[in-house]
Amino acid sequence: MPKDRASKELTLSQVPYFIQDVELKEIELYQKKYMEFKINMHPVELLIVCKKFNIY
């Protein structure tokens, strides 16, 4: 895989299965703040909304 190109620019055959694009942002729902994680693990896209999270 070329290291000087963003994963979004690679062809399907060039993308290793372990590449993940992760986006994190704060959102507000019903006047409460949450964290939103969007994880792209082609061909799966995962969206998680939570109040808090821990990294171990």
PDB file of N, CA and C in Angstrom:
ATOM      1  N   MET A   1       0.845  -1.180   0.000  1.00  0.00           N
ATOM      2  CA  MET A   1       0.000   0.000   0.000  1.00  0.00           C
ATOM      3  C   MET A   1       0.887   1.239   0.000  1.00  0.00           C
ATOM      4  N   PRO A   2       0.645   2.173  -0.871  1.00  0.00           N
ATOM      5  CA  PRO A   2       1.427   3.407  -0.876  1.00  0.00           C
ATOM      6  C   PRO A   2       1.189   4.193   0.407  1.00  0.00           C
ATOM      7  N   LYS A   3       2.268   4.607   1.083  1.00  0.00           N
ATOM      8  CA  LYS A   3       2.130   5.299   2.363  1.00  0.00           C
ATOM      9  C   LYS A   3       1.872   6.791   2.195  1.00  0.00           C
ATOM     10  N   ASP A   4       2.048   7.321   1.004  1.00  0.00           N
ATOM     11  CA  ASP A   4       1.859   8.750   0.797  1.00  0.00           C
ATOM     12  C   ASP A   4       0.450   9.091   0.294  1.00  0.00           C
ATOM     13  N   ARG A   5      -0.452   8.126   0.271  1.00  0.00           N
ATOM     14  CA  ARG A   5      -1.821   8.344  -0.187  1.00  0.00           C
ATOM     15  C   ARG A   5      -2.798   8.053   0.936  1.00  0.00           C
ATOM     16  N   ALA A   6      -3.863   8.831   1.011  1.00  0.00           N
ATOM     17  CA  ALA A   6      -4.913   8.584   2.006  1.00  0.00           C
ATOM     18  C   ALA A   6      -5.642   7.294   1.663  1.00  0.00           C
ATOM     19  N   SER A   7      -6.103   6.599   2.676  1.00  0.00           N
ATOM     20  CA  SER A   7      -6.779   5.316   2.443  1.00  0.00           C
ATOM     21  C   SER A   7      -8.009   5.474   1.562  1.00  0.00           C
ATOM     22  N   LYS A   8      -8.657   6.628   1.596  1.00  0.00           N
ATOM     23  CA  LYS A   8      -9.845   6.858   0.772  1.00  0.00           C
ATOM     24  C   LYS A   8      -9.510   6.912  -0.718  1.00  0.00           C
ATOM     25  N   GLU A   9      -8.254   7.160  -1.060  1.00  0.00           N
ATOM     26  CA  GLU A   9      -7.839   7.258  -2.459  1.00  0.00           C
ATOM     27  C   GLU A   9      -7.396   5.916  -3.035  1.00  0.00           C
ATOM     28  N   LEU A  10      -7.272   4.894  -2.217  1.00  0.00           N
ATOM     29  CA  LEU A  10      -6.779   3.597  -2.681  1.00  0.00           C
ATOM     30  C   LEU A  10      -7.884   2.795  -3.356  1.00  0.00           C
ATOM     31  N   THR A  11      -7.494   1.931  -4.264  1.00  0.00           N
ATOM     32  CA  THR A  11      -8.467   1.021  -4.862  1.00  0.00           C
ATOM     33  C   THR A  11      -8.767  -0.080  -3.859  1.00  0.00           C
ATOM     34  N   LEU A  12      -9.839  -0.806  -4.078  1.00  0.00           N
ATOM     35  CA  LEU A  12     -10.252  -1.857  -3.148  1.00  0.00           C
ATOM     36  C   LEU A  12      -9.159  -2.895  -2.947  1.00  0.00           C
ATOM     37  N   SER A  13      -8.439  -3.253  -3.996  1.00  0.00           N
ATOM     38  CA  SER A  13      -7.390  -4.262  -3.872  1.00  0.00           C
ATOM     39  C   SER A  13      -6.154  -3.735  -3.134  1.00  0.00           C
ATOM     40  N   GLN A  14      -6.006  -2.420  -3.012  1.00  0.00           N
ATOM     41  CA  GLN A  14      -4.859  -1.839  -2.322  1.00  0.00           C
ATOM     42  C   GLN A  14      -5.093  -1.670  -0.816  1.00  0.00           C
ATOM     43  N   VAL A  15      -6.341  -1.709  -0.377  1.00  0.00           N
ATOM     44  CA  VAL A  15      -6.661  -1.428   1.022  1.00  0.00           C
ATOM     45  C   VAL A  15      -6.569  -2.704   1.856  1.00  0.00           C
ATOM     46  N   PRO A  16      -5.654  -2.725   2.829  1.00  0.00           N
ATOM     47  CA  PRO A  16      -5.600  -3.880   3.733  1.00  0.00           C
ATOM     48  C   PRO A  16      -6.859  -3.929   4.591  1.00  0.00           C
ATOM     49  N   TYR A  17      -7.242  -5.104   5.014  1.00  0.00           N
ATOM     50  CA  TYR A  17      -8.481  -5.269   5.760  1.00  0.00           C
ATOM     51  C   TYR A  17      -8.470  -4.551   7.096  1.00  0.00           C
ATOM     52  N   PHE A  18      -7.311  -4.233   7.644  1.00  0.00           N
ATOM     53  CA  PHE A  18      -7.246  -3.649   8.978  1.00  0.00           C
ATOM     54  C   PHE A  18      -7.279  -2.122   8.986  1.00  0.00           C
ATOM     55  N   ILE A  19      -7.310  -1.480   7.846  1.00  0.00           N
ATOM     56  CA  ILE A  19      -7.393  -0.022   7.828  1.00  0.00           C
ATOM     57  C   ILE A  19      -8.781   0.404   8.288  1.00  0.00           C
ATOM     58  N   GLN A  20      -8.814   1.354   9.204  1.00  0.00           N
ATOM     59  CA  GLN A  20     -10.077   1.876   9.707  1.00  0.00           C
ATOM     60  C   GLN A  20     -10.005   3.394   9.717  1.00  0.00           C
ATOM     61  N   ASP A  21     -11.037   4.027   9.233  1.00  0.00           N
ATOM     62  CA  ASP A  21     -11.176   5.479   9.343  1.00  0.00           C
ATOM     63  C   ASP A  21     -12.100   5.733  10.522  1.00  0.00           C
ATOM     64  N   VAL A  22     -11.624   6.498  11.489  1.00  0.00           N
ATOM     65  CA  VAL A  22     -12.402   6.767  12.692  1.00  0.00           C
ATOM     66  C   VAL A  22     -12.635   8.263  12.811  1.00  0.00           C
ATOM     67  N   GLU A  23     -13.885   8.637  12.995  1.00  0.00           N
ATOM     68  CA  GLU A  23     -14.251  10.031  13.218  1.00  0.00           C
ATOM     69  C   GLU A  23     -14.902  10.128  14.595  1.00  0.00           C
ATOM     70  N   LEU A  24     -14.595  11.187  15.313  1.00  0.00           N
ATOM     71  CA  LEU A  24     -15.153  11.398  16.642  1.00  0.00           C
ATOM     72  C   LEU A  24     -15.660  12.827  16.721  1.00  0.00           C
ATOM     73  N   LYS A  25     -16.889  12.979  17.197  1.00  0.00           N
ATOM     74  CA  LYS A  25     -17.409  14.328  17.385  1.00  0.00           C
ATOM     75  C   LYS A  25     -18.408  14.341  18.533  1.00  0.00           C
ATOM     76  N   GLU A  26     -18.614  15.520  19.079  1.00  0.00           N
ATOM     77  CA  GLU A  26     -19.593  15.690  20.144  1.00  0.00           C
ATOM     78  C   GLU A  26     -20.899  16.132  19.516  1.00  0.00           C
ATOM     79  N   ILE A  27     -21.994  15.513  19.939  1.00  0.00           N
ATOM     80  CA  ILE A  27     -23.314  15.861  19.420  1.00  0.00           C
ATOM     81  C   ILE A  27     -24.247  16.143  20.587  1.00  0.00           C
ATOM     82  N   GLU A  28     -25.362  16.771  20.287  1.00  0.00           N
ATOM     83  CA  GLU A  28     -26.366  17.049  21.313  1.00  0.00           C
ATOM     84  C   GLU A  28     -27.685  16.433  20.880  1.00  0.00           C
ATOM     85  N   LEU A  29     -28.265  15.633  21.766  1.00  0.00           N
ATOM     86  CA  LEU A  29     -29.566  15.013  21.522  1.00  0.00           C
ATOM     87  C   LEU A  29     -30.448  15.287  22.735  1.00  0.00           C
ATOM     88  N   TYR A  30     -31.601  15.833  22.506  1.00  0.00           N
ATOM     89  CA  TYR A  30     -32.541  16.116  23.593  1.00  0.00           C
ATOM     90  C   TYR A  30     -31.868  16.898  24.723  1.00  0.00           C
ATOM     91  N   GLN A  31     -31.098  17.895  24.367  1.00  0.00           N
ATOM     92  CA  GLN A  31     -30.408  18.807  25.280  1.00  0.00           C
ATOM     93  C   GLN A  31     -29.363  18.119  26.153  1.00  0.00           C
ATOM     94  N   LYS A  32     -28.863  16.959  25.717  1.00  0.00           N
ATOM     95  CA  LYS A  32     -27.775  16.260  26.401  1.00  0.00           C
ATOM     96  C   LYS A  32     -26.638  16.055  25.409  1.00  0.00           C
ATOM     97  N   LYS A  33     -25.395  16.119  25.908  1.00  0.00           N
ATOM     98  CA  LYS A  33     -24.230  15.954  25.045  1.00  0.00           C
ATOM     99  C   LYS A  33     -23.769  14.496  25.032  1.00  0.00           C
ATOM    100  N   TYR A  34     -23.409  14.040  23.839  1.00  0.00           N
ATOM    101  CA  TYR A  34     -22.940  12.671  23.633  1.00  0.00           C
ATOM    102  C   TYR A  34     -21.705  12.691  22.734  1.00  0.00           C
ATOM    103  N   MET A  35     -20.987  11.591  22.747  1.00  0.00           N
ATOM    104  CA  MET A  35     -19.868  11.387  21.830  1.00  0.00           C
ATOM    105  C   MET A  35     -20.367  10.486  20.704  1.00  0.00           C
ATOM    106  N   GLU A  36     -20.024  10.825  19.481  1.00  0.00           N
ATOM    107  CA  GLU A  36     -20.406  10.005  18.331  1.00  0.00           C
ATOM    108  C   GLU A  36     -19.136   9.501  17.653  1.00  0.00           C
ATOM    109  N   PHE A  37     -19.018   8.197  17.546  1.00  0.00           N
ATOM    110  CA  PHE A  37     -17.902   7.557  16.859  1.00  0.00           C
ATOM    111  C   PHE A  37     -18.424   6.982  15.551  1.00  0.00           C
ATOM    112  N   LYS A  38     -17.750   7.311  14.467  1.00  0.00           N
ATOM    113  CA  LYS A  38     -18.077   6.730  13.167  1.00  0.00           C
ATOM    114  C   LYS A  38     -16.833   5.976  12.716  1.00  0.00           C
ATOM    115  N   ILE A  39     -16.963   4.665  12.572  1.00  0.00           N
ATOM    116  CA  ILE A  39     -15.828   3.812  12.221  1.00  0.00           C
ATOM    117  C   ILE A  39     -16.115   3.148  10.881  1.00  0.00           C
ATOM    118  N   ASN A  40     -15.241   3.415   9.914  1.00  0.00           N
ATOM    119  CA  ASN A  40     -15.385   2.829   8.590  1.00  0.00           C
ATOM    120  C   ASN A  40     -14.396   1.665   8.468  1.00  0.00           C
ATOM    121  N   MET A  41     -14.934   0.463   8.449  1.00  0.00           N
ATOM    122  CA  MET A  41     -14.129  -0.760   8.286  1.00  0.00           C
ATOM    123  C   MET A  41     -14.655  -1.459   7.036  1.00  0.00           C
ATOM    124  N   HIS A  42     -14.420  -0.862   5.901  1.00  0.00           N
ATOM    125  CA  HIS A  42     -14.995  -1.351   4.644  1.00  0.00           C
ATOM    126  C   HIS A  42     -15.009  -2.872   4.594  1.00  0.00           C
ATOM    127  N   PRO A  43     -16.129  -3.482   4.312  1.00  0.00           N
ATOM    128  CA  PRO A  43     -17.393  -2.930   3.814  1.00  0.00           C
ATOM    129  C   PRO A  43     -18.388  -2.549   4.908  1.00  0.00           C
ATOM    130  N   VAL A  44     -17.982  -2.501   6.153  1.00  0.00           N
ATOM    131  CA  VAL A  44     -18.882  -2.194   7.265  1.00  0.00           C
ATOM    132  C   VAL A  44     -18.634  -0.764   7.752  1.00  0.00           C
ATOM    133  N   GLU A  45     -19.714  -0.049   8.046  1.00  0.00           N
ATOM    134  CA  GLU A  45     -19.600   1.261   8.681  1.00  0.00           C
ATOM    135  C   GLU A  45     -20.365   1.182   9.997  1.00  0.00           C
ATOM    136  N   LEU A  46     -19.710   1.561  11.075  1.00  0.00           N
ATOM    137  CA  LEU A  46     -20.269   1.438  12.416  1.00  0.00           C
ATOM    138  C   LEU A  46     -20.430   2.822  13.018  1.00  0.00           C
ATOM    139  N   LEU A  47     -21.590   3.100  13.602  1.00  0.00           N
ATOM    140  CA  LEU A  47     -21.859   4.375  14.249  1.00  0.00           C
ATOM    141  C   LEU A  47     -22.227   4.087  15.706  1.00  0.00           C
ATOM    142  N   ILE A  48     -21.490   4.691  16.638  1.00  0.00           N
ATOM    143  CA  ILE A  48     -21.715   4.479  18.065  1.00  0.00           C
ATOM    144  C   ILE A  48     -21.948   5.834  18.711  1.00  0.00           C
ATOM    145  N   VAL A  49     -22.998   5.941  19.511  1.00  0.00           N
ATOM    146  CA  VAL A  49     -23.292   7.156  20.264  1.00  0.00           C
ATOM    147  C   VAL A  49     -23.315   6.774  21.737  1.00  0.00           C
ATOM    148  N   CYS A  50     -22.533   7.502  22.557  1.00  0.00           N
ATOM    149  CA  CYS A  50     -22.447   7.152  23.976  1.00  0.00           C
ATOM    150  C   CYS A  50     -22.199   8.396  24.818  1.00  0.00           C
ATOM    151  N   LYS A  51     -22.426   8.258  26.127  1.00  0.00           N
ATOM    152  CA  LYS A  51     -22.196   9.358  27.067  1.00  0.00           C
ATOM    153  C   LYS A  51     -20.736   9.444  27.464  1.00  0.00           C
ATOM    154  N   LYS A  52     -20.089   8.308  27.635  1.00  0.00           N
ATOM    155  CA  LYS A  52     -18.676   8.274  28.000  1.00  0.00           C
ATOM    156  C   LYS A  52     -18.055   6.992  27.491  1.00  0.00           C
ATOM    157  N   PHE A  53     -16.731   6.956  27.477  1.00  0.00           N
ATOM    158  CA  PHE A  53     -16.030   5.763  27.049  1.00  0.00           C
ATOM    159  C   PHE A  53     -14.698   5.696  27.783  1.00  0.00           C
ATOM    160  N   ASN A  54     -14.178   4.509  27.900  1.00  0.00           N
ATOM    161  CA  ASN A  54     -12.878   4.260  28.538  1.00  0.00           C
ATOM    162  C   ASN A  54     -11.957   3.564  27.550  1.00  0.00           C
ATOM    163  N   ILE A  55     -10.693   3.918  27.600  1.00  0.00           N
ATOM    164  CA  ILE A  55      -9.689   3.254  26.785  1.00  0.00           C
ATOM    165  C   ILE A  55      -8.770   2.504  27.736  1.00  0.00           C
ATOM    166  N   TYR A  56      -8.640   1.227  27.529  1.00  0.00           N
ATOM    167  CA  TYR A  56      -7.786   0.386  28.397  1.00  0.00           C
ATOM    168  C   TYR A  56      -6.564  -0.059  27.647  1.00  0.00           C
TER     169      TYR A  56
END
